[in-house]
């Protein structure tokens, strides 16, 4: 199995003390049971609406404060978990997109946690979470057309050697490293703050892996806990 060694800038402790994440590397296998993804997504939406986790409000509120601390406006550019859950509240569900994407979105919705999914083969160098200088290119789309944008100086970004892979910590992923079911080497990052119990973070990671292995029997996974020094 390939190796991935993400790094977290120690300076982030100043705005997100106690931040921790699960880094999960998955070597994919053929998708034999696509129905697993749709079921996981539907179940997560219903559980969120009818039996939400007790830390949800506090965890998402803490993410709002972290975003404000590096200059983002969470009402305009919320963390990814908040954005997904707002859509579920509005529509009662989330439409399926892609089996792998649906599975990690289900975890994000159910556990009120930002979850990123990346095609590791598209990375140049290791993923790293850090503050932007402002000159790192970010490939995205605007009005359906590809464009290159740049983060604000001081913005928290995930990046590799080529540029930004996710802006505003976990708000928007870039196109170059975006994950779908065709990827062979998948990397997932589940990001939590102290208001989400560590045991819940570990449970979310285990459920993600279990669902992926039901979707793709034979898929192999490695899980590592990342913490700020």
Protein backbone atom coordinates (compact mmCIF):
# COMPACT_ATOMS: atom_id res chain seq x y z
CA UNK A 1 0.00 0.00 0.00
CA UNK A 2 1.14 3.53 -0.73
CA UNK A 3 2.17 5.73 2.16
CA UNK A 4 0.91 9.20 3.01
CA UNK A 5 2.38 11.40 5.71
CA UNK A 6 0.25 14.53 6.09
CA UNK A 7 1.64 17.34 8.22
CA UNK A 8 -0.06 19.98 10.34
CA UNK A 9 1.54 23.39 10.88
CA UNK A 10 2.18 23.76 14.61
CA UNK A 11 1.16 27.44 14.42
CA UNK A 12 -2.44 26.29 14.03
CA UNK A 13 -2.49 25.59 17.76
CA UNK A 14 -2.92 29.34 18.20
CA UNK A 15 -6.36 29.31 16.55
CA UNK A 16 -7.48 25.69 16.98
CA UNK A 17 -6.02 24.27 20.20
CA UNK A 18 -6.73 20.58 20.54
CA UNK A 19 -7.34 20.05 16.82
CA UNK A 20 -6.99 16.42 15.81
CA UNK A 21 -7.79 14.43 12.70
CA UNK A 22 -7.92 10.93 11.36
CA UNK A 23 -5.91 10.34 8.21
CA UNK A 24 -7.24 7.30 6.35
CA UNK A 25 -5.51 5.81 3.32
CA UNK A 26 -7.54 3.36 1.26
CA UNK A 27 -6.36 1.19 -1.62
CA UNK A 28 -9.52 0.75 -3.66
CA UNK A 29 -11.03 -2.43 -5.04
CA UNK A 30 -13.82 -2.92 -7.60
CA UNK A 31 -17.20 -1.59 -6.53
CA UNK A 32 -19.47 -4.61 -6.13
CA UNK A 33 -22.20 -3.18 -3.92
CA UNK A 34 -23.11 0.41 -4.94
CA UNK A 35 -26.32 0.14 -2.94
CA UNK A 36 -24.26 0.43 0.25
CA UNK A 37 -23.48 4.08 -0.51
CA UNK A 38 -27.05 5.17 -1.17
CA UNK A 39 -28.25 3.41 1.98
CA UNK A 40 -25.50 4.99 4.13
CA UNK A 41 -26.33 8.48 2.84
CA UNK A 42 -30.07 8.10 3.37
CA UNK A 43 -29.58 6.68 6.85
CA UNK A 44 -27.19 9.48 7.85
CA UNK A 45 -29.69 12.14 6.77
CA UNK A 46 -32.49 10.54 8.76
CA UNK A 47 -30.31 10.05 11.84
CA UNK A 48 -29.23 13.68 11.72
CA UNK A 49 -32.84 14.85 11.58
CA UNK A 50 -34.26 12.41 14.13
CA UNK A 51 -31.41 11.29 16.40
CA UNK A 52 -28.56 13.77 16.13
CA UNK A 53 -25.27 13.34 17.95
CA UNK A 54 -25.08 15.34 21.20
CA UNK A 55 -21.93 17.25 20.27
CA UNK A 56 -23.18 18.48 16.87
CA UNK A 57 -24.14 22.07 17.73
CA UNK A 58 -21.07 22.71 19.89
CA UNK A 59 -18.69 21.18 17.35
CA UNK A 60 -20.01 23.17 14.40
CA UNK A 61 -20.12 26.35 16.50
CA UNK A 62 -16.46 25.81 17.41
CA UNK A 63 -15.61 25.43 13.72
CA UNK A 64 -17.31 28.78 13.10
CA UNK A 65 -15.02 30.37 15.69
CA UNK A 66 -11.93 28.77 14.15
CA UNK A 67 -12.90 30.09 10.72
CA UNK A 68 -13.38 33.59 12.16
CA UNK A 69 -9.93 33.35 13.78
CA UNK A 70 -8.19 33.19 10.39
CA UNK A 71 -10.43 35.78 8.75
CA UNK A 72 -13.12 33.63 7.09
CA UNK A 73 -16.82 34.41 7.35
CA UNK A 74 -18.54 31.15 8.31
CA UNK A 75 -22.00 32.35 7.28
CA UNK A 76 -20.68 32.87 3.75
CA UNK A 77 -18.07 30.12 3.60
CA UNK A 78 -18.96 27.59 6.31
CA UNK A 79 -17.04 24.45 7.15
CA UNK A 80 -17.95 21.54 4.90
CA UNK A 81 -20.00 19.71 7.55
CA UNK A 82 -22.17 22.75 8.23
CA UNK A 83 -22.81 23.23 4.52
CA UNK A 84 -23.90 19.61 4.04
CA UNK A 85 -26.12 19.56 7.10
CA UNK A 86 -27.86 22.80 6.10
CA UNK A 87 -28.82 21.17 2.81
CA UNK A 88 -30.25 18.18 4.67
CA UNK A 89 -32.29 20.46 6.95
CA UNK A 90 -33.62 22.32 3.91
CA UNK A 91 -34.39 19.33 1.66
CA UNK A 92 -34.69 16.44 4.12
CA UNK A 93 -32.00 14.48 2.31
CA UNK A 94 -28.98 14.78 0.02
CA UNK A 95 -29.08 13.42 -3.55
CA UNK A 96 -26.50 10.73 -4.42
CA UNK A 97 -23.45 11.97 -6.34
CA UNK A 98 -20.88 9.18 -6.49
CA UNK A 99 -20.67 6.04 -4.29
CA UNK A 100 -17.40 6.97 -2.60
CA UNK A 101 -18.37 10.63 -2.20
CA UNK A 102 -21.77 9.59 -0.82
CA UNK A 103 -20.10 7.42 1.81
CA UNK A 104 -17.80 10.13 3.15
CA UNK A 105 -20.58 12.72 2.97
CA UNK A 106 -22.71 10.35 5.06
CA UNK A 107 -20.04 10.29 7.76
CA UNK A 108 -19.78 14.08 7.72
CA UNK A 109 -23.54 14.48 8.06
CA UNK A 110 -24.01 11.83 10.73
CA UNK A 111 -21.08 12.84 12.95
CA UNK A 112 -21.13 16.63 12.34
CA UNK A 113 -17.51 16.53 11.23
CA UNK A 114 -15.72 17.93 8.18
CA UNK A 115 -14.55 15.03 6.00
CA UNK A 116 -12.37 15.42 2.93
CA UNK A 117 -11.81 12.82 0.26
CA UNK A 118 -8.86 13.13 -2.11
CA UNK A 119 -7.31 11.24 -5.02
CA UNK A 120 -3.84 10.73 -3.62
CA UNK A 121 -2.41 9.82 -7.03
CA UNK A 122 -2.99 13.42 -8.13
CA UNK A 123 -0.83 14.80 -5.31
CA UNK A 124 2.70 16.06 -5.81
CA UNK A 125 4.37 15.74 -2.44
CA UNK A 126 2.57 15.13 0.84
CA UNK A 127 -0.61 16.91 1.97
CA UNK A 128 -0.01 19.64 4.51
CA UNK A 129 -2.28 21.92 6.50
CA UNK A 130 -0.83 25.38 6.88
CA UNK A 131 -1.31 29.11 6.52
CA UNK A 132 -1.35 30.47 2.97
CA UNK A 133 1.12 33.05 1.74
CA UNK A 134 -1.41 34.08 -0.90
CA UNK A 135 0.44 33.02 -4.05
CA UNK A 136 -0.54 29.34 -4.08
CA UNK A 137 -2.71 28.47 -7.12
CA UNK A 138 -6.12 26.90 -6.52
CA UNK A 139 -7.86 25.26 -9.48
CA UNK A 140 -11.63 25.57 -9.38
CA UNK A 141 -14.61 26.44 -11.56
CA UNK A 142 -16.59 29.62 -12.01
CA UNK A 143 -19.79 29.64 -14.03
CA UNK A 144 -18.88 26.20 -15.33
CA UNK A 145 -15.44 27.20 -16.61
CA UNK A 146 -12.03 26.30 -15.13
CA UNK A 147 -10.31 29.16 -13.33
CA UNK A 148 -7.30 29.58 -11.07
CA UNK A 149 -7.82 31.50 -7.84
CA UNK A 150 -5.50 32.33 -4.96
CA UNK A 151 -6.15 32.16 -1.22
CA UNK A 152 -5.98 35.15 1.05
CA UNK A 153 -2.70 35.57 2.87
CA UNK A 154 -3.10 33.97 6.29
CA UNK A 155 -5.94 31.72 5.18
CA UNK A 156 -5.72 28.13 6.41
CA UNK A 157 -5.32 25.74 3.48
CA UNK A 158 -4.53 22.16 2.64
CA UNK A 159 -1.88 22.07 -0.06
CA UNK A 160 0.76 19.99 -1.81
CA UNK A 161 3.86 20.99 -3.78
CA UNK A 162 1.78 22.32 -6.70
CA UNK A 163 -0.71 24.44 -4.82
CA UNK A 164 -3.91 24.53 -2.81
CA UNK A 165 -5.97 21.36 -2.62
CA UNK A 166 -8.64 22.72 -0.23
CA UNK A 167 -9.39 26.34 0.64
CA UNK A 168 -10.44 27.80 3.99
CA UNK A 169 -9.36 24.69 5.87
CA UNK A 170 -12.18 22.43 4.66
CA UNK A 171 -14.58 24.74 2.82
CA UNK A 172 -13.92 23.94 -0.84
CA UNK A 173 -11.83 21.25 -2.53
CA UNK A 174 -9.88 21.85 -5.72
CA UNK A 175 -10.55 20.00 -8.96
CA UNK A 176 -7.08 18.49 -9.52
CA UNK A 177 -7.16 16.19 -6.48
CA UNK A 178 -10.93 15.69 -6.27
CA UNK A 179 -11.97 12.15 -5.41
CA UNK A 180 -14.45 9.90 -7.17
CA UNK A 181 -15.00 6.17 -7.50
CA UNK A 182 -12.44 5.82 -10.30
CA UNK A 183 -9.51 6.61 -7.99
CA UNK A 184 -7.29 3.74 -6.91
CA UNK A 185 -5.53 5.40 -3.97
CA UNK A 186 -7.96 7.32 -1.79
CA UNK A 187 -7.08 9.59 1.10
CA UNK A 188 -9.64 10.77 3.64
CA UNK A 189 -9.20 13.32 6.39
CA UNK A 190 -11.71 13.59 9.27
CA UNK A 191 -11.13 16.84 11.17
CA UNK A 192 -12.30 17.44 14.72
CA UNK A 193 -12.08 19.92 17.58
CA UNK A 194 -12.15 19.00 21.29
CA UNK A 195 -15.94 19.39 21.59
CA UNK A 196 -16.22 16.18 19.56
CA UNK A 197 -15.10 13.25 21.76
CA UNK A 198 -12.05 11.33 20.58
CA UNK A 199 -14.04 8.10 20.82
CA UNK A 200 -16.60 9.57 18.40
CA UNK A 201 -13.84 10.55 15.96
CA UNK A 202 -12.49 7.01 16.06
CA UNK A 203 -15.99 5.58 15.59
CA UNK A 204 -16.56 7.82 12.57
CA UNK A 205 -13.31 6.63 11.02
CA UNK A 206 -14.14 2.99 11.63
CA UNK A 207 -17.60 3.43 10.10
CA UNK A 208 -16.11 5.12 7.03
CA UNK A 209 -13.72 2.22 6.49
CA UNK A 210 -16.42 -0.38 7.12
CA UNK A 211 -18.76 1.22 4.59
CA UNK A 212 -16.01 1.52 1.99
CA UNK A 213 -15.06 -2.13 2.45
CA UNK A 214 -18.70 -3.15 2.03
CA UNK A 215 -18.86 -1.04 -1.12
CA UNK A 216 -15.53 -2.37 -2.40
CA UNK A 217 -14.82 -5.81 -0.90
CA UNK A 218 -11.06 -6.28 -0.70
CA UNK A 219 -10.25 -2.60 -0.16
CA UNK A 220 -7.40 -2.07 2.32
CA UNK A 221 -7.19 0.79 4.80
CA UNK A 222 -4.66 2.41 7.12
CA UNK A 223 -5.80 4.80 9.86
CA UNK A 224 -3.57 7.31 11.66
CA UNK A 225 -4.44 9.90 14.29
CA UNK A 226 -2.93 13.34 13.67
CA UNK A 227 -2.63 15.82 16.52
CA UNK A 228 -1.16 19.27 16.94
CA UNK A 229 2.14 19.21 18.76
